[in-house]
Amino acid sequence: MIELPIVDTNKTDLQFVESPLSMKSVQMGISPEQLAFQSLTLEEILNQIPNLPAETAVLGLGEDGVPLLFDLRDARPGSILILGDKFCGKTRLLMTMTDSLIMRNQANEVKFAVLSGKPEQWKSLKQANPEYFLHLNSNYERAAATTILELCDLVEARQHGQAVDRSVVFILDGMDTLPYMDFGIRMNFEWLLKEGPALKVWPVASLDSESALQQMHWVNQFRTRLIGSISQEGHGRELSLSNEMKPAELVPGQQFAVRLNRTWLKFHLPE
């Protein structure tokens, strides 16, 4: 498992944690100390980062008020899985990511393909921004398999020289149906998890903790895990791969955690 890039909390001219690839910086309009004591909306957070790099999503704010950022141009995090109990805020986190990318990028820079157990939850977002959405389907429909194959075709085309001109975020909001898909579709999905991020096709999935424990083969295919509230301590240890992380202490619907530099960073979703 590899961590997402995070902003250094010690400077107002905030720096990303050093990586083997590059150093990136984000200017904040206010200091971390000011941010720490405010409950901010996503729009307010974005207003404080006027020079947020293109194709970068805001996921939330750390406990010190520093934003957690997801750079779609940096393949290191790999495919991302959001884990937690029912109603812990997994869909809300996915929508925060989606909203932040729509608010700061043109439709020719970022597209979304969404499969959801409750596609009606995404309907208003698509209706307001139809140019950003390649697909919005139920994960129970035949179209779900078609979407997976289409994205695999895109990755393969990019591997063979097609221009990598925009990011495509593949959101699987509820991965419960995957084990029941045809063998060929499952194998294509597994290939997409491994090969997609390097070609800017990003699988980002969510899965309830109870289902995750029955699907550990699939859980282990993802490179980065975002952990939400998990009430049972043993389940939390198994899914976070950590004895020090306490998912039961996370606030349901509001708080998640991600591993960073061998420690865990907790972050809150925007208001």
Protein backbone atom coordinates (compact mmCIF):
# COMPACT_ATOMS: atom_id res chain seq x y z
CA MET A 1 0.00 0.00 0.00
CA ILE A 2 1.33 3.46 -0.88
CA GLU A 3 0.20 6.76 0.50
CA LEU A 4 -1.35 9.70 -1.31
CA PRO A 5 0.72 12.88 -1.69
CA ILE A 6 0.10 15.12 1.33
CA VAL A 7 0.86 18.76 2.00
CA ASP A 8 3.55 19.52 4.61
CA THR A 9 1.87 21.03 7.65
CA ASN A 10 4.74 23.21 8.83
CA LYS A 11 4.71 25.98 6.21
CA THR A 12 2.22 28.54 4.96
CA ASP A 13 3.80 28.10 1.52
CA LEU A 14 2.87 24.45 1.76
CA GLN A 15 5.10 21.79 0.26
CA PHE A 16 4.22 18.25 -0.65
CA VAL A 17 6.10 15.54 1.19
CA GLU A 18 9.24 14.79 -0.78
CA SER A 19 8.85 12.03 -3.34
CA PRO A 20 11.35 10.32 -5.64
CA LEU A 21 9.62 11.95 -8.60
CA SER A 22 9.21 15.65 -7.84
CA MET A 23 8.44 18.40 -5.36
CA LYS A 24 5.16 20.28 -5.70
CA SER A 25 3.85 23.28 -3.80
CA VAL A 26 0.48 24.86 -3.10
CA GLN A 27 0.05 28.44 -1.89
CA MET A 28 -2.63 28.79 0.77
CA GLY A 29 -4.59 32.00 1.21
CA ILE A 30 -4.62 31.56 4.99
CA SER A 31 -2.33 29.82 7.46
CA PRO A 32 -2.74 26.23 8.68
CA GLU A 33 -3.46 27.63 12.15
CA GLN A 34 -6.47 29.53 10.82
CA LEU A 35 -7.72 26.58 8.82
CA ALA A 36 -7.51 24.23 11.79
CA PHE A 37 -10.31 25.94 13.65
CA GLN A 38 -12.74 26.31 10.77
CA SER A 39 -15.33 23.99 9.28
CA LEU A 40 -15.01 24.80 5.61
CA THR A 41 -17.08 23.87 2.59
CA LEU A 42 -15.34 22.45 -0.46
CA GLU A 43 -15.77 25.77 -2.25
CA GLU A 44 -14.18 27.64 0.67
CA ILE A 45 -11.24 25.22 0.69
CA LEU A 46 -10.71 25.63 -3.04
CA ASN A 47 -10.88 29.41 -2.70
CA GLN A 48 -7.89 29.19 -0.36
CA ILE A 49 -5.85 27.30 -2.99
CA PRO A 50 -5.98 29.60 -6.02
CA ASN A 51 -3.00 27.87 -7.67
CA LEU A 52 -4.16 24.29 -7.14
CA PRO A 53 -2.48 22.25 -9.90
CA ALA A 54 -4.65 20.97 -12.74
CA GLU A 55 -6.11 17.48 -12.39
CA THR A 56 -5.78 17.60 -8.60
CA ALA A 57 -8.63 16.65 -6.28
CA VAL A 58 -9.22 17.84 -2.74
CA LEU A 59 -10.38 14.98 -0.51
CA GLY A 60 -10.62 16.77 2.82
CA LEU A 61 -8.73 18.57 5.58
CA GLY A 62 -6.25 17.05 7.99
CA GLU A 63 -6.64 17.61 11.72
CA ASP A 64 -4.24 20.56 11.41
CA GLY A 65 -6.36 22.10 8.68
CA VAL A 66 -4.08 21.12 5.80
CA PRO A 67 -5.77 19.74 2.66
CA LEU A 68 -5.32 16.18 1.48
CA LEU A 69 -4.74 16.28 -2.28
CA PHE A 70 -4.97 13.58 -4.94
CA ASP A 71 -2.87 14.34 -8.03
CA LEU A 72 -4.18 12.48 -11.07
CA ARG A 73 -0.89 13.06 -12.88
CA ASP A 74 1.10 11.11 -10.26
CA ALA A 75 0.66 7.35 -10.71
CA ARG A 76 2.30 6.35 -7.41
CA PRO A 77 -0.90 5.91 -5.34
CA GLY A 78 -2.22 3.37 -7.84
CA SER A 79 -5.82 2.21 -7.67
CA ILE A 80 -7.68 3.44 -4.58
CA LEU A 81 -10.15 1.61 -2.35
CA ILE A 82 -12.36 3.31 0.24
CA LEU A 83 -13.29 0.97 3.09
CA GLY A 84 -15.63 1.37 6.03
CA ASP A 85 -18.94 0.41 7.59
CA LYS A 86 -22.24 1.26 5.93
CA PHE A 87 -23.06 4.97 6.17
CA CYS A 88 -19.48 5.92 7.10
CA GLY A 89 -19.35 8.47 4.25
CA LYS A 90 -17.78 6.52 1.39
CA THR A 91 -20.09 7.97 -1.28
CA ARG A 92 -19.70 11.43 0.21
CA LEU A 93 -15.91 11.13 -0.11
CA LEU A 94 -16.23 10.01 -3.73
CA MET A 95 -18.50 12.96 -4.48
CA THR A 96 -16.12 15.38 -2.75
CA MET A 97 -13.34 14.16 -5.03
CA THR A 98 -15.58 14.45 -8.09
CA ASP A 99 -16.92 17.90 -7.19
CA SER A 100 -13.46 19.32 -6.56
CA LEU A 101 -12.20 18.11 -9.95
CA ILE A 102 -15.24 19.52 -11.75
CA MET A 103 -14.91 22.87 -10.00
CA ARG A 104 -11.27 23.36 -11.03
CA ASN A 105 -10.91 21.52 -14.36
CA GLN A 106 -12.40 21.66 -17.83
CA ALA A 107 -14.29 18.67 -19.21
CA ASN A 108 -11.47 18.07 -21.70
CA GLU A 109 -9.08 17.56 -18.76
CA VAL A 110 -11.06 15.16 -16.53
CA LYS A 111 -13.88 12.70 -17.27
CA PHE A 112 -15.81 10.32 -15.01
CA ALA A 113 -17.26 6.86 -15.50
CA VAL A 114 -19.47 5.94 -12.54
CA LEU A 115 -20.94 2.59 -11.57
CA SER A 116 -23.04 2.70 -8.43
CA GLY A 117 -25.39 0.52 -6.44
CA LYS A 118 -27.52 3.67 -6.11
CA PRO A 119 -26.99 5.64 -9.33
CA GLU A 120 -29.82 8.01 -8.35
CA GLN A 121 -27.43 9.50 -5.77
CA TRP A 122 -25.22 10.65 -8.65
CA LYS A 123 -27.98 11.76 -10.99
CA SER A 124 -28.13 15.43 -9.98
CA LEU A 125 -24.34 15.80 -10.25
CA LYS A 126 -24.38 14.37 -13.75
CA GLN A 127 -27.36 16.47 -14.80
CA ALA A 128 -25.56 19.61 -13.65
CA ASN A 129 -22.31 18.61 -15.41
CA PRO A 130 -23.19 16.22 -18.25
CA GLU A 131 -20.07 17.05 -20.26
CA TYR A 132 -17.86 15.52 -17.55
CA PHE A 133 -19.54 12.10 -17.48
CA LEU A 134 -18.75 9.28 -19.88
CA HIS A 135 -21.09 6.89 -18.07
CA LEU A 136 -23.40 6.66 -15.09
CA ASN A 137 -24.87 3.18 -14.65
CA SER A 138 -25.99 0.78 -11.99
CA ASN A 139 -23.35 -1.74 -11.01
CA TYR A 140 -26.06 -4.40 -11.43
CA GLU A 141 -26.68 -3.64 -15.11
CA ARG A 142 -25.04 -5.22 -18.16
CA ALA A 143 -23.66 -1.76 -18.92
CA ALA A 144 -21.32 -2.14 -15.94
CA ALA A 145 -19.35 -4.85 -17.75
CA THR A 146 -19.35 -2.78 -20.93
CA THR A 147 -17.90 0.19 -19.03
CA ILE A 148 -15.05 -1.92 -17.61
CA LEU A 149 -14.17 -3.29 -21.04
CA GLU A 150 -14.32 0.17 -22.61
CA LEU A 151 -11.88 1.56 -20.06
CA CYS A 152 -9.55 -1.42 -20.58
CA ASP A 153 -9.61 -0.68 -24.30
CA LEU A 154 -8.67 2.94 -23.57
CA VAL A 155 -5.70 1.90 -21.41
CA GLU A 156 -4.53 -0.56 -24.05
CA ALA A 157 -4.81 2.08 -26.77
CA ARG A 158 -2.73 4.47 -24.67
CA GLN A 159 -0.15 1.75 -24.12
CA HIS A 160 0.14 1.49 -27.89
CA GLY A 161 0.67 5.18 -28.53
CA GLN A 162 -2.68 6.94 -28.25
CA ALA A 163 -2.29 10.36 -26.66
CA VAL A 164 -2.77 10.46 -22.89
CA ASP A 165 -4.65 13.72 -23.13
CA ARG A 166 -6.94 13.66 -20.08
CA SER A 167 -7.59 11.81 -16.87
CA VAL A 168 -10.48 9.39 -16.59
CA VAL A 169 -11.68 8.57 -13.08
CA PHE A 170 -13.51 5.25 -12.90
CA ILE A 171 -15.69 5.32 -9.80
CA LEU A 172 -17.10 2.02 -8.60
CA ASP A 173 -19.36 3.15 -5.77
CA GLY A 174 -20.08 -0.28 -4.31
CA MET A 175 -17.84 -3.14 -5.44
CA ASP A 176 -20.17 -5.82 -4.02
CA THR A 177 -21.30 -7.03 -7.45
CA LEU A 178 -17.83 -7.64 -8.85
CA PRO A 179 -17.50 -11.30 -7.70
CA TYR A 180 -20.69 -12.11 -9.61
CA MET A 181 -19.50 -10.76 -12.95
CA ASP A 182 -18.22 -13.04 -15.70
CA PHE A 183 -14.70 -14.38 -15.25
CA GLY A 184 -13.43 -12.39 -18.23
CA ILE A 185 -14.82 -9.14 -16.85
CA ARG A 186 -13.22 -9.79 -13.46
CA MET A 187 -9.85 -10.45 -15.07
CA ASN A 188 -10.13 -7.29 -17.14
CA PHE A 189 -10.99 -5.32 -14.01
CA GLU A 190 -7.95 -6.73 -12.18
CA TRP A 191 -5.75 -5.75 -15.13
CA LEU A 192 -7.28 -2.25 -15.09
CA LEU A 193 -6.41 -1.84 -11.39
CA LYS A 194 -2.75 -2.53 -12.16
CA GLU A 195 -2.31 -0.78 -15.50
CA GLY A 196 -4.81 2.09 -15.44
CA PRO A 197 -3.21 4.72 -13.16
CA ALA A 198 0.03 4.88 -15.15
CA LEU A 199 -2.07 5.87 -18.17
CA LYS A 200 -4.30 8.28 -16.20
CA VAL A 201 -7.26 5.92 -15.97
CA TRP A 202 -7.96 5.85 -12.24
CA PRO A 203 -10.05 3.11 -10.58
CA VAL A 204 -11.45 4.47 -7.30
CA ALA A 205 -13.81 2.04 -5.57
CA SER A 206 -15.72 1.75 -2.31
CA LEU A 207 -16.66 -1.34 -0.34
CA ASP A 208 -18.45 -1.94 2.94
CA SER A 209 -16.25 -3.51 5.62
CA GLU A 210 -18.40 -6.64 5.98
CA SER A 211 -18.27 -7.29 2.23
CA ALA A 212 -14.56 -6.48 2.12
CA LEU A 213 -13.76 -9.27 4.55
CA GLN A 214 -15.40 -11.70 2.12
CA GLN A 215 -13.51 -10.25 -0.85
CA MET A 216 -9.95 -9.99 0.41
CA HIS A 217 -8.59 -11.10 -2.96
CA TRP A 218 -10.04 -7.93 -4.48
CA VAL A 219 -9.18 -5.71 -1.52
CA ASN A 220 -5.54 -6.73 -1.86
CA GLN A 221 -5.45 -5.75 -5.55
CA PHE A 222 -5.71 -2.06 -4.61
CA ARG A 223 -2.56 -0.13 -3.85
CA THR A 224 -4.00 2.61 -1.61
CA ARG A 225 -6.69 2.29 1.06
CA LEU A 226 -8.71 5.12 2.58
CA ILE A 227 -10.22 3.90 5.83
CA GLY A 228 -13.51 5.15 7.27
CA SER A 229 -15.27 4.24 10.49
CA ILE A 230 -15.24 0.48 11.25
CA SER A 231 -16.93 -0.33 14.53
CA GLN A 232 -15.47 -3.82 15.08
CA GLU A 233 -11.87 -3.55 16.19
CA GLY A 234 -10.72 -6.82 14.61
CA HIS A 235 -12.22 -5.89 11.26
CA GLY A 236 -10.51 -2.53 11.44
CA ARG A 237 -7.11 -4.12 12.07
CA GLU A 238 -7.49 -6.55 9.19
CA LEU A 239 -8.64 -3.97 6.65
CA SER A 240 -6.22 -1.21 7.65
CA LEU A 241 -3.27 -3.65 7.93
CA SER A 242 -2.37 -1.91 11.16
CA ASN A 243 -2.53 -2.42 14.90
CA GLU A 244 -2.01 1.28 15.61
CA MET A 245 -4.88 2.60 13.51
CA LYS A 246 -8.25 2.64 15.32
CA PRO A 247 -11.00 2.93 12.67
CA ALA A 248 -13.66 2.64 15.39
CA GLU A 249 -12.55 6.07 16.64
CA LEU A 250 -13.19 7.80 13.30
CA VAL A 251 -16.34 9.92 13.12
CA PRO A 252 -18.89 8.16 10.85
CA GLY A 253 -19.85 10.20 7.83
CA GLN A 254 -17.15 12.80 8.45
CA GLN A 255 -13.69 11.33 8.97
CA PHE A 256 -11.27 9.03 7.14
CA ALA A 257 -7.62 8.07 7.44
CA VAL A 258 -4.79 7.30 5.04
CA ARG A 259 -1.31 5.91 5.71
CA LEU A 260 1.46 8.45 5.15
CA ASN A 261 5.17 7.90 5.74
CA ARG A 262 4.50 4.96 8.09
CA THR A 263 2.00 6.97 10.12
CA TRP A 264 -1.74 7.51 9.78
CA LEU A 265 -3.19 10.86 8.82
CA LYS A 266 -6.83 11.48 9.73
CA PHE A 267 -8.82 13.92 7.62
CA HIS A 268 -12.32 15.40 7.68
CA LEU A 269 -14.59 15.77 4.69
CA PRO A 270 -15.64 19.32 3.83
CA GLU A 271 -18.89 20.61 5.28
